[in-house]
Amino acid sequence: MIFLIGGKPVRIDKTTIEIGRDSHGDIVLDDPSVALHHAVIVLEPNGTVTIYRISPRPSMVYVNEDPVDHTSLLTGDRITVGQSTICLQEITSSQAGNR
């Protein structure tokens, strides 16, 4: 998948993408309002892309400004975690081939 993070495109070729402050995560956000392990994005076996909030409340995940615990993602969706916004630019052809 290709994400726009801080205005820069970032390609991550994994089926599970971890978002949080943990330096071992895939998308690391330097933001005190973000949990160590805040959310995961999963390429499901059926080909859909789903985001799951894994942090306890009050830490929230927003998709297109709507609070979610989990939801399917589409190209162009804006994911907000803490003060950071990440945009899903595309599901790459190598991942689409694994569906």
N, C-alpha and C. Protein backbone atom coordinates (compact mmCIF):
# COMPACT_ATOMS: atom_id res chain seq x y z
N MET A 1 0.84 -1.16 0.00
CA MET A 1 0.00 0.00 0.00
C MET A 1 0.89 1.23 0.00
N ILE A 2 0.39 2.28 -0.57
CA ILE A 2 1.12 3.54 -0.57
C ILE A 2 0.31 4.55 0.25
N PHE A 3 0.99 5.17 1.23
CA PHE A 3 0.38 6.15 2.10
C PHE A 3 1.06 7.49 1.89
N LEU A 4 0.33 8.55 2.12
CA LEU A 4 0.90 9.89 2.13
C LEU A 4 1.03 10.26 3.60
N ILE A 5 2.28 10.38 4.07
CA ILE A 5 2.56 10.67 5.48
C ILE A 5 3.43 11.92 5.51
N GLY A 6 2.92 12.96 6.14
CA GLY A 6 3.69 14.22 6.20
C GLY A 6 4.00 14.77 4.82
N GLY A 7 3.09 14.55 3.88
CA GLY A 7 3.26 15.06 2.53
C GLY A 7 4.15 14.22 1.64
N LYS A 8 4.67 13.11 2.16
CA LYS A 8 5.57 12.26 1.38
C LYS A 8 4.95 10.88 1.18
N PRO A 9 5.05 10.33 -0.05
CA PRO A 9 4.53 8.98 -0.27
C PRO A 9 5.43 7.93 0.38
N VAL A 10 4.80 6.97 1.07
CA VAL A 10 5.52 5.89 1.73
C VAL A 10 4.87 4.58 1.31
N ARG A 11 5.68 3.68 0.75
CA ARG A 11 5.18 2.37 0.32
C ARG A 11 5.48 1.33 1.40
N ILE A 12 4.45 0.58 1.78
CA ILE A 12 4.63 -0.49 2.77
C ILE A 12 4.00 -1.75 2.18
N ASP A 13 4.82 -2.75 1.90
CA ASP A 13 4.35 -4.00 1.30
C ASP A 13 4.20 -5.08 2.36
N LYS A 14 3.19 -4.93 3.21
CA LYS A 14 2.90 -5.91 4.25
C LYS A 14 1.39 -6.09 4.29
N THR A 15 0.94 -7.21 4.82
CA THR A 15 -0.50 -7.42 4.94
C THR A 15 -1.04 -6.89 6.27
N THR A 16 -0.17 -6.65 7.24
CA THR A 16 -0.56 -6.03 8.50
C THR A 16 0.40 -4.88 8.78
N ILE A 17 -0.16 -3.68 8.96
CA ILE A 17 0.64 -2.48 9.15
C ILE A 17 0.30 -1.89 10.51
N GLU A 18 1.30 -1.76 11.37
CA GLU A 18 1.10 -1.24 12.71
C GLU A 18 1.34 0.27 12.75
N ILE A 19 0.42 0.99 13.43
CA ILE A 19 0.52 2.44 13.59
C ILE A 19 0.60 2.76 15.07
N GLY A 20 1.56 3.61 15.44
CA GLY A 20 1.67 4.03 16.83
C GLY A 20 2.99 4.73 17.08
N ARG A 21 3.32 4.91 18.36
CA ARG A 21 4.58 5.55 18.74
C ARG A 21 5.73 4.57 18.83
N ASP A 22 5.44 3.27 18.89
CA ASP A 22 6.50 2.26 19.03
C ASP A 22 7.45 2.34 17.84
N SER A 23 8.72 2.45 18.14
CA SER A 23 9.73 2.58 17.07
C SER A 23 9.82 1.33 16.20
N HIS A 24 9.24 0.21 16.65
CA HIS A 24 9.25 -1.01 15.85
C HIS A 24 8.03 -1.12 14.95
N GLY A 25 7.13 -0.14 15.00
CA GLY A 25 5.93 -0.15 14.15
C GLY A 25 6.27 0.19 12.71
N ASP A 26 5.28 0.06 11.85
CA ASP A 26 5.48 0.36 10.43
C ASP A 26 5.28 1.84 10.13
N ILE A 27 4.30 2.44 10.79
CA ILE A 27 4.07 3.88 10.69
C ILE A 27 4.25 4.43 12.10
N VAL A 28 5.38 5.10 12.33
CA VAL A 28 5.72 5.61 13.65
C VAL A 28 5.37 7.09 13.70
N LEU A 29 4.53 7.45 14.69
CA LEU A 29 4.09 8.82 14.84
C LEU A 29 4.65 9.38 16.14
N ASP A 30 5.42 10.45 16.04
CA ASP A 30 6.02 11.10 17.20
C ASP A 30 5.01 12.11 17.73
N ASP A 31 4.04 11.61 18.48
CA ASP A 31 2.92 12.42 18.95
C ASP A 31 2.49 11.86 20.31
N PRO A 32 2.57 12.66 21.38
CA PRO A 32 2.22 12.14 22.71
C PRO A 32 0.76 11.71 22.85
N SER A 33 -0.12 12.15 21.95
CA SER A 33 -1.52 11.73 22.02
C SER A 33 -1.78 10.41 21.31
N VAL A 34 -0.75 9.85 20.72
CA VAL A 34 -0.85 8.56 20.03
C VAL A 34 -0.35 7.47 20.97
N ALA A 35 -1.10 6.38 21.07
CA ALA A 35 -0.70 5.25 21.91
C ALA A 35 0.51 4.54 21.30
N LEU A 36 1.22 3.81 22.13
CA LEU A 36 2.36 3.03 21.66
C LEU A 36 1.94 2.11 20.50
N HIS A 37 0.83 1.42 20.67
CA HIS A 37 0.24 0.56 19.65
C HIS A 37 -1.19 1.06 19.47
N HIS A 38 -1.41 1.89 18.49
CA HIS A 38 -2.67 2.62 18.36
C HIS A 38 -3.67 1.93 17.43
N ALA A 39 -3.19 1.49 16.28
CA ALA A 39 -4.09 0.90 15.28
C ALA A 39 -3.31 -0.02 14.36
N VAL A 40 -4.05 -0.89 13.67
CA VAL A 40 -3.45 -1.72 12.62
C VAL A 40 -4.32 -1.62 11.37
N ILE A 41 -3.66 -1.69 10.25
CA ILE A 41 -4.33 -1.76 8.95
C ILE A 41 -4.04 -3.15 8.41
N VAL A 42 -5.09 -3.86 8.01
CA VAL A 42 -4.95 -5.25 7.58
C VAL A 42 -5.49 -5.41 6.17
N LEU A 43 -4.70 -6.06 5.32
CA LEU A 43 -5.19 -6.50 4.01
C LEU A 43 -5.83 -7.85 4.25
N GLU A 44 -7.16 -7.87 4.24
CA GLU A 44 -7.92 -9.07 4.56
C GLU A 44 -7.81 -10.11 3.43
N PRO A 45 -8.02 -11.40 3.74
CA PRO A 45 -7.94 -12.44 2.71
C PRO A 45 -8.89 -12.21 1.52
N ASN A 46 -10.01 -11.52 1.77
CA ASN A 46 -10.96 -11.26 0.67
C ASN A 46 -10.58 -10.04 -0.15
N GLY A 47 -9.44 -9.38 0.19
CA GLY A 47 -8.95 -8.25 -0.60
C GLY A 47 -9.32 -6.88 -0.06
N THR A 48 -10.19 -6.82 0.94
CA THR A 48 -10.51 -5.51 1.49
C THR A 48 -9.40 -5.07 2.45
N VAL A 49 -9.31 -3.77 2.64
CA VAL A 49 -8.34 -3.20 3.57
C VAL A 49 -9.13 -2.65 4.75
N THR A 50 -8.79 -3.08 5.96
CA THR A 50 -9.53 -2.70 7.16
C THR A 50 -8.59 -2.09 8.18
N ILE A 51 -9.05 -1.03 8.84
CA ILE A 51 -8.29 -0.46 9.96
C ILE A 51 -9.00 -0.85 11.25
N TYR A 52 -8.21 -1.20 12.27
CA TYR A 52 -8.71 -1.56 13.58
C TYR A 52 -8.03 -0.69 14.64
N ARG A 53 -8.82 -0.05 15.50
CA ARG A 53 -8.26 0.67 16.64
C ARG A 53 -7.93 -0.38 17.69
N ILE A 54 -6.67 -0.43 18.14
CA ILE A 54 -6.28 -1.43 19.14
C ILE A 54 -5.93 -0.79 20.47
N SER A 55 -5.94 0.53 20.52
CA SER A 55 -5.64 1.22 21.78
C SER A 55 -6.93 1.40 22.57
N PRO A 56 -6.80 1.45 23.90
CA PRO A 56 -8.00 1.68 24.71
C PRO A 56 -8.49 3.12 24.56
N ARG A 57 -9.76 3.32 24.82
CA ARG A 57 -10.29 4.68 24.80
C ARG A 57 -9.59 5.47 25.89
N PRO A 58 -9.36 6.75 25.80
CA PRO A 58 -9.97 7.67 24.85
C PRO A 58 -9.20 7.82 23.55
N SER A 59 -8.11 7.06 23.35
CA SER A 59 -7.36 7.15 22.10
C SER A 59 -8.27 6.73 20.95
N MET A 60 -8.41 7.60 19.97
CA MET A 60 -9.35 7.34 18.89
C MET A 60 -8.64 7.27 17.54
N VAL A 61 -9.34 6.68 16.59
CA VAL A 61 -8.94 6.66 15.18
C VAL A 61 -10.10 7.27 14.41
N TYR A 62 -9.78 8.16 13.49
CA TYR A 62 -10.80 8.78 12.65
C TYR A 62 -10.51 8.45 11.19
N VAL A 63 -11.54 8.12 10.45
CA VAL A 63 -11.41 7.93 9.01
C VAL A 63 -12.35 8.93 8.36
N ASN A 64 -11.77 9.83 7.58
CA ASN A 64 -12.54 10.91 6.95
C ASN A 64 -13.35 11.68 7.99
N GLU A 65 -12.70 11.93 9.15
CA GLU A 65 -13.24 12.71 10.27
C GLU A 65 -14.30 11.99 11.10
N ASP A 66 -14.62 10.74 10.78
CA ASP A 66 -15.58 9.96 11.57
C ASP A 66 -14.82 9.03 12.52
N PRO A 67 -15.18 9.02 13.83
CA PRO A 67 -14.52 8.10 14.75
C PRO A 67 -14.90 6.65 14.44
N VAL A 68 -13.90 5.76 14.48
CA VAL A 68 -14.14 4.35 14.16
C VAL A 68 -13.38 3.45 15.13
N ASP A 69 -13.95 2.27 15.38
CA ASP A 69 -13.21 1.19 16.04
C ASP A 69 -12.60 0.27 14.99
N HIS A 70 -13.33 0.09 13.89
CA HIS A 70 -12.82 -0.63 12.72
C HIS A 70 -13.71 -0.27 11.54
N THR A 71 -13.11 -0.24 10.37
CA THR A 71 -13.85 0.07 9.16
C THR A 71 -13.01 -0.29 7.94
N SER A 72 -13.67 -0.53 6.83
CA SER A 72 -12.96 -0.77 5.57
C SER A 72 -12.42 0.55 5.05
N LEU A 73 -11.27 0.47 4.39
CA LEU A 73 -10.64 1.65 3.82
C LEU A 73 -10.69 1.59 2.30
N LEU A 74 -10.79 2.77 1.70
CA LEU A 74 -10.75 2.91 0.25
C LEU A 74 -9.63 3.87 -0.12
N THR A 75 -9.17 3.80 -1.34
CA THR A 75 -8.17 4.73 -1.83
C THR A 75 -8.67 6.15 -1.61
N GLY A 76 -7.81 6.99 -1.06
CA GLY A 76 -8.15 8.39 -0.80
C GLY A 76 -8.64 8.65 0.61
N ASP A 77 -8.92 7.60 1.39
CA ASP A 77 -9.38 7.81 2.75
C ASP A 77 -8.29 8.47 3.59
N ARG A 78 -8.73 9.36 4.49
CA ARG A 78 -7.83 10.05 5.40
C ARG A 78 -7.98 9.45 6.80
N ILE A 79 -6.88 8.97 7.33
CA ILE A 79 -6.83 8.34 8.66
C ILE A 79 -6.18 9.34 9.60
N THR A 80 -6.87 9.70 10.68
CA THR A 80 -6.30 10.63 11.65
C THR A 80 -6.09 9.88 12.97
N VAL A 81 -4.86 9.95 13.44
CA VAL A 81 -4.45 9.33 14.70
C VAL A 81 -3.71 10.42 15.46
N GLY A 82 -4.25 10.80 16.62
CA GLY A 82 -3.66 11.92 17.35
C GLY A 82 -3.75 13.17 16.49
N GLN A 83 -2.63 13.83 16.31
CA GLN A 83 -2.57 15.05 15.49
C GLN A 83 -2.10 14.76 14.06
N SER A 84 -1.91 13.49 13.73
CA SER A 84 -1.36 13.12 12.42
C SER A 84 -2.44 12.59 11.49
N THR A 85 -2.35 12.97 10.23
CA THR A 85 -3.27 12.45 9.22
C THR A 85 -2.46 11.71 8.17
N ILE A 86 -2.93 10.51 7.87
CA ILE A 86 -2.30 9.63 6.89
C ILE A 86 -3.33 9.39 5.80
N CYS A 87 -2.93 9.47 4.55
CA CYS A 87 -3.86 9.23 3.45
C CYS A 87 -3.48 7.94 2.73
N LEU A 88 -4.46 7.06 2.55
CA LEU A 88 -4.23 5.83 1.78
C LEU A 88 -4.28 6.20 0.31
N GLN A 89 -3.14 6.16 -0.36
CA GLN A 89 -3.05 6.57 -1.76
C GLN A 89 -3.46 5.46 -2.72
N GLU A 90 -2.98 4.24 -2.46
CA GLU A 90 -3.35 3.13 -3.33
C GLU A 90 -2.96 1.80 -2.72
N ILE A 91 -3.66 0.78 -3.18
CA ILE A 91 -3.27 -0.59 -2.88
C ILE A 91 -2.42 -1.01 -4.06
N THR A 92 -1.17 -1.38 -3.81
CA THR A 92 -0.23 -1.65 -4.89
C THR A 92 -0.57 -2.93 -5.63
N SER A 93 -0.13 -3.00 -6.85
CA SER A 93 -0.46 -4.15 -7.70
C SER A 93 0.08 -5.45 -7.13
N SER A 94 1.22 -5.40 -6.43
CA SER A 94 1.76 -6.64 -5.84
C SER A 94 0.82 -7.16 -4.75
N GLN A 95 0.18 -6.27 -4.02
CA GLN A 95 -0.77 -6.69 -3.00
C GLN A 95 -2.07 -7.14 -3.64
N ALA A 96 -2.50 -6.44 -4.68
CA ALA A 96 -3.73 -6.83 -5.35
C ALA A 96 -3.59 -8.24 -5.93
N GLY A 97 -2.37 -8.57 -6.36
CA GLY A 97 -2.14 -9.89 -6.91
C GLY A 97 -2.21 -10.99 -5.86
N ASN A 98 -2.05 -10.63 -4.58
CA ASN A 98 -2.11 -11.60 -3.50
C ASN A 98 -3.52 -11.83 -3.00
N ARG A 99 -4.49 -11.18 -3.59
CA ARG A 99 -5.87 -11.30 -3.11
C ARG A 99 -6.40 -12.60 -3.48
